[in-house]
Structures are given as C-alpha cells and as structure tokens.
Amino acid sequence: MSHRIDSTAEHTERSLVSMVASGDEAAAAELLRLYGESVLRFVYRRVGEQMEDAEEVTLDTFGSAVKMASAYDSSASV
C-alpha cells in the first residue's frame, strides 16, 4: 500500500486549517492573506465585475470556511 506524502504547502495548509478550527485568529488571517486575492479575482469575474459584491462574497466565503474548519476532513486536500 502506498501512502502519499504531503508537500510542504499541503502540510502548511492543513496545519493552518487545524489552527483555525481551534480558534486561532492569526491562522484565519493567514489563510485570508494567502488565498484572499485569488478567491476575490475568481468571484469578481462571476459577479459581473462588481468589486463591492466580490469583496462581500469573498469575506462571506472565508467566514464560512472559518466556521466550518472543525468539520474539515484532513484526508482531503485543502
């Protein structure tokens, strides 16, 4: 049976999600710093290029991710 070894990035992501699940606000801020811009660009194109709407959806998305971090299945990629 072969086991997949996590890359450093995957390990870091999983560690951050674990810390977010335990209530670590700095870890939540780090996830937003790492992925906020990418999510914002993705959402921006899908909301008719309305920046205010894209920002709101992005913040809602990260808020939901923080709330649901404790339900994260660490066998899946982040």
PDB file of N, CA and C in Angstrom:
ATOM      1  N   MET A   1       0.842  -1.165   0.000  1.00  0.00           N
ATOM      2  CA  MET A   1       0.000   0.000   0.000  1.00  0.00           C
ATOM      3  C   MET A   1       0.892   1.235   0.000  1.00  0.00           C
ATOM      4  N   SER A   2       0.640   2.146  -0.922  1.00  0.00           N
ATOM      5  CA  SER A   2       1.458   3.348  -0.960  1.00  0.00           C
ATOM      6  C   SER A   2       0.722   4.486  -0.260  1.00  0.00           C
ATOM      7  N   HIS A   3       1.490   5.306   0.411  1.00  0.00           N
ATOM      8  CA  HIS A   3       0.943   6.477   1.095  1.00  0.00           C
ATOM      9  C   HIS A   3       1.483   7.713   0.420  1.00  0.00           C
ATOM     10  N   ARG A   4       0.593   8.649   0.193  1.00  0.00           N
ATOM     11  CA  ARG A   4       1.009   9.900  -0.419  1.00  0.00           C
ATOM     12  C   ARG A   4       1.635  10.779   0.658  1.00  0.00           C
ATOM     13  N   ILE A   5       2.760  11.350   0.345  1.00  0.00           N
ATOM     14  CA  ILE A   5       3.436  12.253   1.277  1.00  0.00           C
ATOM     15  C   ILE A   5       3.020  13.674   0.943  1.00  0.00           C
ATOM     16  N   ASP A   6       2.584  14.404   1.963  1.00  0.00           N
ATOM     17  CA  ASP A   6       2.166  15.784   1.761  1.00  0.00           C
ATOM     18  C   ASP A   6       3.342  16.655   1.358  1.00  0.00           C
ATOM     19  N   SER A   7       3.082  17.562   0.434  1.00  0.00           N
ATOM     20  CA  SER A   7       4.081  18.576   0.132  1.00  0.00           C
ATOM     21  C   SER A   7       4.102  19.556   1.299  1.00  0.00           C
ATOM     22  N   THR A   8       5.107  20.377   1.339  1.00  0.00           N
ATOM     23  CA  THR A   8       5.197  21.376   2.403  1.00  0.00           C
ATOM     24  C   THR A   8       3.982  22.293   2.390  1.00  0.00           C
ATOM     25  N   ALA A   9       3.534  22.699   1.200  1.00  0.00           N
ATOM     26  CA  ALA A   9       2.378  23.590   1.098  1.00  0.00           C
ATOM     27  C   ALA A   9       1.123  22.917   1.636  1.00  0.00           C
ATOM     28  N   GLU A  10       0.905  21.650   1.276  1.00  0.00           N
ATOM     29  CA  GLU A  10      -0.275  20.937   1.770  1.00  0.00           C
ATOM     30  C   GLU A  10      -0.210  20.786   3.285  1.00  0.00           C
ATOM     31  N   HIS A  11       0.962  20.478   3.802  1.00  0.00           N
ATOM     32  CA  HIS A  11       1.119  20.342   5.249  1.00  0.00           C
ATOM     33  C   HIS A  11       0.811  21.672   5.944  1.00  0.00           C
ATOM     34  N   THR A  12       1.323  22.748   5.387  1.00  0.00           N
ATOM     35  CA  THR A  12       1.086  24.072   5.956  1.00  0.00           C
ATOM     36  C   THR A  12      -0.395  24.418   5.917  1.00  0.00           C
ATOM     37  N   GLU A  13      -1.059  24.148   4.787  1.00  0.00           N
ATOM     38  CA  GLU A  13      -2.493  24.419   4.676  1.00  0.00           C
ATOM     39  C   GLU A  13      -3.276  23.633   5.722  1.00  0.00           C
ATOM     40  N   ARG A  14      -2.972  22.362   5.848  1.00  0.00           N
ATOM     41  CA  ARG A  14      -3.676  21.525   6.829  1.00  0.00           C
ATOM     42  C   ARG A  14      -3.426  22.019   8.242  1.00  0.00           C
ATOM     43  N   SER A  15      -2.203  22.421   8.528  1.00  0.00           N
ATOM     44  CA  SER A  15      -1.877  22.957   9.850  1.00  0.00           C
ATOM     45  C   SER A  15      -2.661  24.237  10.120  1.00  0.00           C
ATOM     46  N   LEU A  16      -2.737  25.102   9.114  1.00  0.00           N
ATOM     47  CA  LEU A  16      -3.493  26.343   9.279  1.00  0.00           C
ATOM     48  C   LEU A  16      -4.969  26.061   9.534  1.00  0.00           C
ATOM     49  N   VAL A  17      -5.553  25.150   8.777  1.00  0.00           N
ATOM     50  CA  VAL A  17      -6.969  24.821   8.971  1.00  0.00           C
ATOM     51  C   VAL A  17      -7.185  24.248  10.361  1.00  0.00           C
ATOM     52  N   SER A  18      -6.265  23.414  10.810  1.00  0.00           N
ATOM     53  CA  SER A  18      -6.359  22.849  12.156  1.00  0.00           C
ATOM     54  C   SER A  18      -6.307  23.957  13.211  1.00  0.00           C
ATOM     55  N   MET A  19      -5.415  24.914  13.019  1.00  0.00           N
ATOM     56  CA  MET A  19      -5.304  26.030  13.965  1.00  0.00           C
ATOM     57  C   MET A  19      -6.553  26.910  13.911  1.00  0.00           C
ATOM     58  N   VAL A  20      -7.104  27.118  12.709  1.00  0.00           N
ATOM     59  CA  VAL A  20      -8.340  27.889  12.576  1.00  0.00           C
ATOM     60  C   VAL A  20      -9.461  27.184  13.338  1.00  0.00           C
ATOM     61  N   ALA A  21      -9.535  25.862  13.194  1.00  0.00           N
ATOM     62  CA  ALA A  21     -10.573  25.085  13.872  1.00  0.00           C
ATOM     63  C   ALA A  21     -10.489  25.220  15.387  1.00  0.00           C
ATOM     64  N   SER A  22      -9.274  25.437  15.889  1.00  0.00           N
ATOM     65  CA  SER A  22      -9.107  25.591  17.332  1.00  0.00           C
ATOM     66  C   SER A  22      -9.281  27.041  17.789  1.00  0.00           C
ATOM     67  N   GLY A  23      -9.660  27.917  16.865  1.00  0.00           N
ATOM     68  CA  GLY A  23      -9.948  29.305  17.232  1.00  0.00           C
ATOM     69  C   GLY A  23      -8.804  30.277  17.058  1.00  0.00           C
ATOM     70  N   ASP A  24      -7.763  29.893  16.377  1.00  0.00           N
ATOM     71  CA  ASP A  24      -6.593  30.754  16.186  1.00  0.00           C
ATOM     72  C   ASP A  24      -6.888  31.822  15.124  1.00  0.00           C
ATOM     73  N   GLU A  25      -7.097  33.045  15.575  1.00  0.00           N
ATOM     74  CA  GLU A  25      -7.433  34.149  14.663  1.00  0.00           C
ATOM     75  C   GLU A  25      -6.269  34.502  13.737  1.00  0.00           C
ATOM     76  N   ALA A  26      -5.052  34.357  14.206  1.00  0.00           N
ATOM     77  CA  ALA A  26      -3.886  34.648  13.358  1.00  0.00           C
ATOM     78  C   ALA A  26      -3.822  33.663  12.195  1.00  0.00           C
ATOM     79  N   ALA A  27      -4.173  32.409  12.436  1.00  0.00           N
ATOM     80  CA  ALA A  27      -4.189  31.411  11.363  1.00  0.00           C
ATOM     81  C   ALA A  27      -5.283  31.745  10.351  1.00  0.00           C
ATOM     82  N   ALA A  28      -6.431  32.197  10.822  1.00  0.00           N
ATOM     83  CA  ALA A  28      -7.513  32.597   9.912  1.00  0.00           C
ATOM     84  C   ALA A  28      -7.062  33.780   9.058  1.00  0.00           C
ATOM     85  N   ALA A  29      -6.378  34.729   9.670  1.00  0.00           N
ATOM     86  CA  ALA A  29      -5.864  35.881   8.926  1.00  0.00           C
ATOM     87  C   ALA A  29      -4.825  35.441   7.894  1.00  0.00           C
ATOM     88  N   GLU A  30      -4.019  34.444   8.249  1.00  0.00           N
ATOM     89  CA  GLU A  30      -3.000  33.941   7.318  1.00  0.00           C
ATOM     90  C   GLU A  30      -3.658  33.251   6.118  1.00  0.00           C
ATOM     91  N   LEU A  31      -4.712  32.476   6.347  1.00  0.00           N
ATOM     92  CA  LEU A  31      -5.433  31.859   5.226  1.00  0.00           C
ATOM     93  C   LEU A  31      -5.996  32.933   4.299  1.00  0.00           C
ATOM     94  N   LEU A  32      -6.562  33.970   4.880  1.00  0.00           N
ATOM     95  CA  LEU A  32      -7.095  35.075   4.073  1.00  0.00           C
ATOM     96  C   LEU A  32      -5.970  35.757   3.295  1.00  0.00           C
ATOM     97  N   ARG A  33      -4.838  35.959   3.943  1.00  0.00           N
ATOM     98  CA  ARG A  33      -3.695  36.584   3.264  1.00  0.00           C
ATOM     99  C   ARG A  33      -3.210  35.721   2.103  1.00  0.00           C
ATOM    100  N   LEU A  34      -3.145  34.421   2.330  1.00  0.00           N
ATOM    101  CA  LEU A  34      -2.632  33.512   1.309  1.00  0.00           C
ATOM    102  C   LEU A  34      -3.588  33.334   0.128  1.00  0.00           C
ATOM    103  N   TYR A  35      -4.883  33.291   0.405  1.00  0.00           N
ATOM    104  CA  TYR A  35      -5.839  32.917  -0.644  1.00  0.00           C
ATOM    105  C   TYR A  35      -6.875  33.972  -0.967  1.00  0.00           C
ATOM    106  N   GLY A  36      -6.920  35.038  -0.198  1.00  0.00           N
ATOM    107  CA  GLY A  36      -7.949  36.055  -0.394  1.00  0.00           C
ATOM    108  C   GLY A  36      -7.943  36.677  -1.772  1.00  0.00           C
ATOM    109  N   GLU A  37      -6.790  37.035  -2.265  1.00  0.00           N
ATOM    110  CA  GLU A  37      -6.693  37.692  -3.577  1.00  0.00           C
ATOM    111  C   GLU A  37      -7.149  36.760  -4.701  1.00  0.00           C
ATOM    112  N   SER A  38      -6.751  35.504  -4.631  1.00  0.00           N
ATOM    113  CA  SER A  38      -7.159  34.537  -5.654  1.00  0.00           C
ATOM    114  C   SER A  38      -8.665  34.311  -5.643  1.00  0.00           C
ATOM    115  N   VAL A  39      -9.213  34.173  -4.454  1.00  0.00           N
ATOM    116  CA  VAL A  39     -10.666  33.979  -4.339  1.00  0.00           C
ATOM    117  C   VAL A  39     -11.386  35.228  -4.830  1.00  0.00           C
ATOM    118  N   LEU A  40     -10.890  36.395  -4.456  1.00  0.00           N
ATOM    119  CA  LEU A  40     -11.509  37.650  -4.891  1.00  0.00           C
ATOM    120  C   LEU A  40     -11.529  37.749  -6.416  1.00  0.00           C
ATOM    121  N   ARG A  41     -10.428  37.447  -7.056  1.00  0.00           N
ATOM    122  CA  ARG A  41     -10.384  37.507  -8.531  1.00  0.00           C
ATOM    123  C   ARG A  41     -11.362  36.517  -9.153  1.00  0.00           C
ATOM    124  N   PHE A  42     -11.429  35.317  -8.592  1.00  0.00           N
ATOM    125  CA  PHE A  42     -12.355  34.296  -9.083  1.00  0.00           C
ATOM    126  C   PHE A  42     -13.805  34.781  -8.961  1.00  0.00           C
ATOM    127  N   VAL A  43     -14.148  35.294  -7.799  1.00  0.00           N
ATOM    128  CA  VAL A  43     -15.515  35.753  -7.540  1.00  0.00           C
ATOM    129  C   VAL A  43     -15.839  36.988  -8.374  1.00  0.00           C
ATOM    130  N   TYR A  44     -14.893  37.895  -8.497  1.00  0.00           N
ATOM    131  CA  TYR A  44     -15.096  39.152  -9.223  1.00  0.00           C
ATOM    132  C   TYR A  44     -15.631  38.912 -10.631  1.00  0.00           C
ATOM    133  N   ARG A  45     -15.035  37.941 -11.315  1.00  0.00           N
ATOM    134  CA  ARG A  45     -15.480  37.645 -12.678  1.00  0.00           C
ATOM    135  C   ARG A  45     -16.891  37.063 -12.699  1.00  0.00           C
ATOM    136  N   ARG A  46     -17.280  36.408 -11.625  1.00  0.00           N
ATOM    137  CA  ARG A  46     -18.576  35.737 -11.591  1.00  0.00           C
ATOM    138  C   ARG A  46     -19.714  36.608 -11.069  1.00  0.00           C
ATOM    139  N   VAL A  47     -19.390  37.764 -10.539  1.00  0.00           N
ATOM    140  CA  VAL A  47     -20.443  38.673 -10.057  1.00  0.00           C
ATOM    141  C   VAL A  47     -20.534  39.912 -10.947  1.00  0.00           C
ATOM    142  N   GLY A  48     -20.204  39.739 -12.220  1.00  0.00           N
ATOM    143  CA  GLY A  48     -20.333  40.837 -13.173  1.00  0.00           C
ATOM    144  C   GLY A  48     -19.343  41.957 -12.965  1.00  0.00           C
ATOM    145  N   GLU A  49     -18.165  41.605 -12.434  1.00  0.00           N
ATOM    146  CA  GLU A  49     -17.087  42.572 -12.210  1.00  0.00           C
ATOM    147  C   GLU A  49     -17.524  43.741 -11.325  1.00  0.00           C
ATOM    148  N   GLN A  50     -18.292  43.412 -10.307  1.00  0.00           N
ATOM    149  CA  GLN A  50     -18.722  44.387  -9.301  1.00  0.00           C
ATOM    150  C   GLN A  50     -17.857  44.168  -8.050  1.00  0.00           C
ATOM    151  N   MET A  51     -16.886  45.062  -7.832  1.00  0.00           N
ATOM    152  CA  MET A  51     -15.904  44.860  -6.777  1.00  0.00           C
ATOM    153  C   MET A  51     -16.547  44.769  -5.393  1.00  0.00           C
ATOM    154  N   GLU A  52     -17.503  45.615  -5.092  1.00  0.00           N
ATOM    155  CA  GLU A  52     -18.133  45.588  -3.768  1.00  0.00           C
ATOM    156  C   GLU A  52     -18.791  44.230  -3.518  1.00  0.00           C
ATOM    157  N   ASP A  53     -19.488  43.709  -4.518  1.00  0.00           N
ATOM    158  CA  ASP A  53     -20.124  42.393  -4.392  1.00  0.00           C
ATOM    159  C   ASP A  53     -19.071  41.297  -4.244  1.00  0.00           C
ATOM    160  N   ALA A  54     -18.006  41.388  -5.027  1.00  0.00           N
ATOM    161  CA  ALA A  54     -16.944  40.382  -4.963  1.00  0.00           C
ATOM    162  C   ALA A  54     -16.280  40.375  -3.588  1.00  0.00           C
ATOM    163  N   GLU A  55     -16.041  41.544  -3.025  1.00  0.00           N
ATOM    164  CA  GLU A  55     -15.434  41.624  -1.698  1.00  0.00           C
ATOM    165  C   GLU A  55     -16.353  41.010  -0.640  1.00  0.00           C
ATOM    166  N   GLU A  56     -17.650  41.298  -0.745  1.00  0.00           N
ATOM    167  CA  GLU A  56     -18.605  40.755   0.221  1.00  0.00           C
ATOM    168  C   GLU A  56     -18.667  39.228   0.137  1.00  0.00           C
ATOM    169  N   VAL A  57     -18.742  38.709  -1.085  1.00  0.00           N
ATOM    170  CA  VAL A  57     -18.796  37.254  -1.266  1.00  0.00           C
ATOM    171  C   VAL A  57     -17.503  36.604  -0.767  1.00  0.00           C
ATOM    172  N   THR A  58     -16.377  37.230  -1.037  1.00  0.00           N
ATOM    173  CA  THR A  58     -15.091  36.690  -0.592  1.00  0.00           C
ATOM    174  C   THR A  58     -15.025  36.630   0.931  1.00  0.00           C
ATOM    175  N   LEU A  59     -15.425  37.705   1.592  1.00  0.00           N
ATOM    176  CA  LEU A  59     -15.406  37.704   3.060  1.00  0.00           C
ATOM    177  C   LEU A  59     -16.391  36.686   3.615  1.00  0.00           C
ATOM    178  N   ASP A  60     -17.565  36.564   2.998  1.00  0.00           N
ATOM    179  CA  ASP A  60     -18.532  35.548   3.421  1.00  0.00           C
ATOM    180  C   ASP A  60     -17.959  34.143   3.256  1.00  0.00           C
ATOM    181  N   THR A  61     -17.246  33.938   2.168  1.00  0.00           N
ATOM    182  CA  THR A  61     -16.635  32.638   1.893  1.00  0.00           C
ATOM    183  C   THR A  61     -15.623  32.283   2.977  1.00  0.00           C
ATOM    184  N   PHE A  62     -14.752  33.223   3.313  1.00  0.00           N
ATOM    185  CA  PHE A  62     -13.763  32.952   4.350  1.00  0.00           C
ATOM    186  C   PHE A  62     -14.415  32.827   5.723  1.00  0.00           C
ATOM    187  N   GLY A  63     -15.460  33.588   5.967  1.00  0.00           N
ATOM    188  CA  GLY A  63     -16.201  33.446   7.227  1.00  0.00           C
ATOM    189  C   GLY A  63     -16.784  32.052   7.365  1.00  0.00           C
ATOM    190  N   SER A  64     -17.360  31.551   6.285  1.00  0.00           N
ATOM    191  CA  SER A  64     -17.907  30.187   6.292  1.00  0.00           C
ATOM    192  C   SER A  64     -16.798  29.157   6.480  1.00  0.00           C
ATOM    193  N   ALA A  65     -15.673  29.377   5.835  1.00  0.00           N
ATOM    194  CA  ALA A  65     -14.548  28.445   5.973  1.00  0.00           C
ATOM    195  C   ALA A  65     -14.073  28.380   7.418  1.00  0.00           C
ATOM    196  N   VAL A  66     -14.019  29.529   8.084  1.00  0.00           N
ATOM    197  CA  VAL A  66     -13.597  29.561   9.485  1.00  0.00           C
ATOM    198  C   VAL A  66     -14.610  28.811  10.351  1.00  0.00           C
ATOM    199  N   LYS A  67     -15.887  29.071  10.125  1.00  0.00           N
ATOM    200  CA  LYS A  67     -16.931  28.409  10.919  1.00  0.00           C
ATOM    201  C   LYS A  67     -16.921  26.901  10.727  1.00  0.00           C
ATOM    202  N   MET A  68     -16.579  26.455   9.514  1.00  0.00           N
ATOM    203  CA  MET A  68     -16.653  25.034   9.205  1.00  0.00           C
ATOM    204  C   MET A  68     -15.303  24.320   9.298  1.00  0.00           C
ATOM    205  N   ALA A  69     -14.270  25.017   9.736  1.00  0.00           N
ATOM    206  CA  ALA A  69     -12.927  24.435   9.791  1.00  0.00           C
ATOM    207  C   ALA A  69     -12.880  23.168  10.643  1.00  0.00           C
ATOM    208  N   SER A  70     -13.660  23.122  11.694  1.00  0.00           N
ATOM    209  CA  SER A  70     -13.624  21.946  12.568  1.00  0.00           C
ATOM    210  C   SER A  70     -14.211  20.709  11.893  1.00  0.00           C
ATOM    211  N   ALA A  71     -14.978  20.895  10.812  1.00  0.00           N
ATOM    212  CA  ALA A  71     -15.563  19.771  10.085  1.00  0.00           C
ATOM    213  C   ALA A  71     -14.662  19.299   8.939  1.00  0.00           C
ATOM    214  N   TYR A  72     -13.532  19.947   8.758  1.00  0.00           N
ATOM    215  CA  TYR A  72     -12.619  19.610   7.661  1.00  0.00           C
ATOM    216  C   TYR A  72     -12.092  18.188   7.812  1.00  0.00           C
ATOM    217  N   ASP A  73     -12.169  17.417   6.733  1.00  0.00           N
ATOM    218  CA  ASP A  73     -11.635  16.056   6.678  1.00  0.00           C
ATOM    219  C   ASP A  73     -10.188  16.155   6.219  1.00  0.00           C
ATOM    220  N   SER A  74      -9.260  15.972   7.122  1.00  0.00           N
ATOM    221  CA  SER A  74      -7.847  16.191   6.801  1.00  0.00           C
ATOM    222  C   SER A  74      -7.280  15.177   5.815  1.00  0.00           C
ATOM    223  N   SER A  75      -8.063  14.184   5.428  1.00  0.00           N
ATOM    224  CA  SER A  75      -7.573  13.255   4.401  1.00  0.00           C
ATOM    225  C   SER A  75      -7.765  13.847   3.004  1.00  0.00           C
ATOM    226  N   ALA A  76      -8.523  14.940   2.915  1.00  0.00           N
ATOM    227  CA  ALA A  76      -8.751  15.628   1.646  1.00  0.00           C
ATOM    228  C   ALA A  76      -7.811  16.823   1.544  1.00  0.00           C
ATOM    229  N   SER A  77      -7.543  17.248   0.315  1.00  0.00           N
ATOM    230  CA  SER A  77      -6.712  18.428   0.157  1.00  0.00           C
ATOM    231  C   SER A  77      -7.514  19.666   0.527  1.00  0.00           C
ATOM    232  N   VAL A  78      -6.824  20.685   0.955  1.00  0.00           N
ATOM    233  CA  VAL A  78      -7.490  21.925   1.333  1.00  0.00           C
ATOM    234  C   VAL A  78      -8.010  22.593   0.079  1.00  0.00           C
TER     235      VAL A  78
END
